[in-house]
Protein backbone atom coordinates (compact mmCIF):
# COMPACT_ATOMS: atom_id res chain seq x y z
CA ILE A 1 120.33 -76.72 47.09
CA TYR A 2 117.19 -75.04 48.31
CA ASN A 3 114.59 -77.29 49.82
CA ALA A 4 111.15 -75.47 49.77
CA PHE A 5 108.21 -77.13 51.90
CA ASP A 6 104.64 -75.86 52.22
CA TYR A 7 101.43 -77.23 53.02
CA SER A 8 100.36 -76.11 49.29
CA LEU A 9 101.88 -75.00 46.53
CA ASN A 10 100.52 -73.32 43.40
CA ASP A 11 101.28 -72.99 39.74
CA PHE A 12 102.81 -69.80 40.46
CA HIS A 13 105.55 -71.15 43.20
CA ILE A 14 106.30 -73.60 40.63
CA ASP A 15 106.84 -71.74 37.57
CA ARG A 16 109.03 -69.04 39.60
CA LEU A 17 111.18 -71.85 40.85
CA VAL A 18 111.59 -73.78 37.95
CA SER A 19 111.74 -70.66 35.62
CA ARG A 20 115.03 -69.52 37.68
CA LYS A 21 116.74 -72.85 37.35
CA THR A 22 117.54 -72.45 40.83
CA GLY A 23 118.25 -76.22 41.66
CA ALA A 24 115.37 -76.03 43.96
CA ASN A 25 113.70 -79.18 45.81
CA ILE A 26 110.07 -78.23 45.92
CA ALA A 27 107.44 -80.47 48.10
CA VAL A 28 104.21 -80.42 49.38
CA ALA A 29 104.93 -81.20 53.28
CA ASN A 30 103.55 -80.73 56.69
CA VAL A 31 105.57 -78.65 59.31
CA GLU A 32 104.92 -81.43 61.91
CA CYS A 33 106.53 -83.84 59.71
CA ILE A 34 109.23 -82.60 57.36
CA PRO A 35 110.73 -84.96 55.34
CA LEU A 36 114.18 -84.38 55.98
CA ASP A 37 117.06 -85.93 58.07
CA ASP A 38 117.85 -84.46 61.44
CA ALA A 39 120.39 -81.30 61.78
CA VAL A 40 120.72 -80.99 57.97
CA VAL A 41 119.38 -77.08 57.54
CA ASP A 42 121.21 -73.91 57.88
CA ILE A 43 118.65 -71.34 57.29
CA LEU A 44 114.91 -71.69 58.02
CA VAL A 45 112.31 -69.22 57.12
CA CYS A 46 108.70 -68.85 58.33
CA MET A 47 107.20 -65.95 57.59
CA GLN A 48 103.59 -65.30 59.05
CA ALA A 49 103.11 -69.15 59.25
CA PHE A 50 103.67 -69.90 63.12
CA ILE A 51 99.96 -68.54 64.13
CA HIS A 52 98.37 -70.36 61.74
CA PHE A 53 100.27 -73.69 63.22
CA PRO A 54 97.45 -75.97 64.93
CA ASN A 55 100.15 -77.35 67.23
CA PHE A 56 102.72 -74.86 67.94
CA ASP A 57 105.14 -77.07 70.08
CA LYS A 58 104.97 -79.53 67.46
CA ALA A 59 106.15 -77.68 64.52
CA ALA A 60 108.76 -75.61 66.76
CA ALA A 61 110.31 -78.93 67.74
CA GLU A 62 110.09 -80.37 64.35
CA LEU A 63 111.93 -77.12 62.88
CA ALA A 64 114.42 -77.66 65.75
CA ARG A 65 114.97 -81.19 64.71
CA VAL A 66 116.03 -80.38 61.05
CA ALA A 67 118.07 -77.53 61.87
CA LYS A 68 121.81 -77.75 62.27
CA GLU A 69 123.48 -76.51 65.55
CA GLY A 70 123.91 -72.74 64.76
CA ALA A 71 121.07 -72.24 62.11
CA HIS A 72 119.34 -69.23 61.58
CA LEU A 73 115.54 -69.18 61.89
CA ILE A 74 114.08 -65.99 60.10
CA CYS A 75 110.36 -65.51 61.47
CA SER A 76 107.32 -63.27 61.67
CA ILE A 77 104.19 -63.86 63.46
CA SER A 78 101.10 -61.16 63.50
CA ASN A 79 100.59 -58.98 66.53
CA ASN A 80 97.09 -60.29 67.72
CA ALA A 81 96.79 -57.48 69.86
CA SER A 82 97.13 -54.64 67.25
CA ILE A 83 94.95 -51.88 66.88
CA LEU A 84 93.75 -53.71 63.52
CA TYR A 85 92.40 -56.77 65.61
CA GLN A 86 90.93 -54.61 68.11
CA VAL A 87 89.06 -52.72 65.45
CA ARG A 88 88.07 -55.39 63.14
CA GLY A 89 88.07 -58.39 65.92
CA PRO A 90 90.29 -61.59 66.15
CA HIS A 91 91.63 -63.37 63.22
CA PRO A 92 89.34 -66.52 62.60
CA ASP A 93 92.46 -68.52 61.58
CA PHE A 94 95.14 -67.68 64.27
CA THR A 95 95.57 -70.60 66.19
CA HIS A 96 98.71 -69.68 67.92
CA HIS A 97 98.17 -66.33 70.32
CA CYS A 98 101.46 -64.75 71.87
CA THR A 99 102.91 -61.26 72.78
CA PHE A 100 106.39 -60.19 71.40
CA ASP A 101 108.34 -61.53 74.40
CA GLU A 102 105.91 -64.96 74.72
CA PHE A 103 106.83 -65.74 71.57
CA ILE A 104 110.79 -65.15 72.20
CA ALA A 105 109.97 -67.83 75.25
CA ASP A 106 108.16 -70.00 73.14
CA MET A 107 111.07 -70.62 70.75
CA LYS A 108 113.52 -70.61 73.47
CA ARG A 109 112.03 -73.56 74.73
CA HIS A 110 112.96 -75.28 71.57
CA GLY A 111 116.42 -74.73 71.48
CA PHE A 112 116.25 -71.11 69.61
CA ASN A 113 117.76 -68.40 70.89
CA LEU A 114 117.05 -64.55 69.92
CA VAL A 115 119.31 -63.03 67.71
CA HIS A 116 117.29 -59.82 66.95
CA ARG A 117 113.85 -58.78 66.95
CA GLU A 118 111.91 -55.83 65.49
CA MET A 119 108.19 -54.60 65.46
CA ARG A 120 107.16 -53.08 62.26
CA GLY A 121 103.80 -52.35 60.06
CA LEU A 122 102.02 -49.45 61.19
CA TRP A 123 98.43 -49.94 60.55
CA ILE A 124 96.21 -46.62 59.33
CA PRO A 125 92.83 -46.98 58.58
CA MET A 126 91.87 -45.15 55.78
CA PRO A 127 88.18 -44.34 54.37
CA LYS A 128 87.16 -47.10 51.87
CA TRP A 129 86.51 -44.14 49.41
CA VAL A 130 89.69 -43.04 49.38
CA THR A 131 92.38 -46.22 48.80
CA GLY A 132 89.44 -49.23 48.68
CA ARG A 133 91.68 -50.68 51.52
CA THR A 134 93.46 -49.87 54.65
CA VAL A 135 96.98 -48.92 54.39
CA THR A 136 100.11 -50.48 56.31
CA LEU A 137 103.23 -48.78 56.67
CA PRO A 138 106.75 -50.09 57.12
CA VAL A 139 107.66 -48.49 59.95
CA THR A 140 107.81 -48.88 63.60
CA SER A 141 105.55 -47.18 66.08
CA THR A 142 106.59 -46.50 69.78
CA ASP A 143 103.18 -48.18 70.64
CA ILE A 144 103.26 -51.99 70.57
CA ASN A 145 99.59 -52.12 69.81
CA LYS A 146 100.24 -49.93 66.36
CA ASN A 147 102.60 -52.63 64.93
CA LEU A 148 101.05 -55.59 63.19
CA THR A 149 104.11 -57.60 62.52
CA PHE A 150 106.83 -58.93 64.77
CA PHE A 151 110.04 -59.94 63.19
CA TYR A 152 112.41 -62.10 64.70
CA VAL A 153 115.93 -63.86 63.88
CA PHE A 154 116.96 -67.11 66.16
CA CYS A 155 120.04 -68.91 66.41
CA LYS A 156 119.71 -72.69 67.36
CA GLY A 157 122.44 -72.99 70.26
CA ASP A 158 124.27 -69.65 71.59
CA PRO A 159 123.93 -66.93 68.97
CA VAL A 160 127.29 -65.46 69.44
CA GLN A 161 129.21 -68.71 69.03
CA HIS A 162 127.22 -69.00 65.76
CA SER A 163 127.01 -65.38 64.47
CA ARG A 164 126.65 -65.47 60.82
CA ILE A 165 124.07 -62.74 60.14
CA SER A 166 126.23 -60.18 57.91
CA GLY A 167 125.56 -56.68 58.79
CA ILE A 168 125.01 -57.46 62.57
CA PRO A 169 127.71 -57.40 64.70
CA ALA A 170 128.00 -60.82 67.19
CA GLN A 171 127.62 -58.74 70.33
CA ALA A 172 124.72 -56.89 68.96
CA GLN A 173 122.72 -59.53 67.74
CA VAL A 174 121.66 -60.68 71.32
CA SER A 175 119.53 -57.32 71.66
CA VAL A 176 116.25 -57.57 73.87
């Protein structure tokens, strides 16, 4: 069973889930008060959302509450120090600002241990007359400030003991 929670669901999300007959349960919920019992979730996915949570610690604690021991959290955050934001200025909706390493420490405080991390999203400013927009390439730059997005996989508890991510050997999952 797939449980989907979001602070808002639009017709597109609902139609997509219902048309696939996935057995999905969908609900509008606040990450600071997830309507689930303790320790019932195996996999949590939180893409580009942590930076928008008004109370990061409360949200992370709530995710830890619903996660089973050994559950994996797959998430991403924007790199606030990237060249994009140096050029355009800070994003007005970002409430949680942290570096690549600070986010790992933030999650560890809530019982999530690092399994894997990487940077992606090389931003290339293009003249608007060429594309009408800027371009982000799905590659990693050696310069941390040129990467727009940080990706992480965390494990609640010991990542070696609870290794379930296929394709990444347990000993390689704890990489920094």
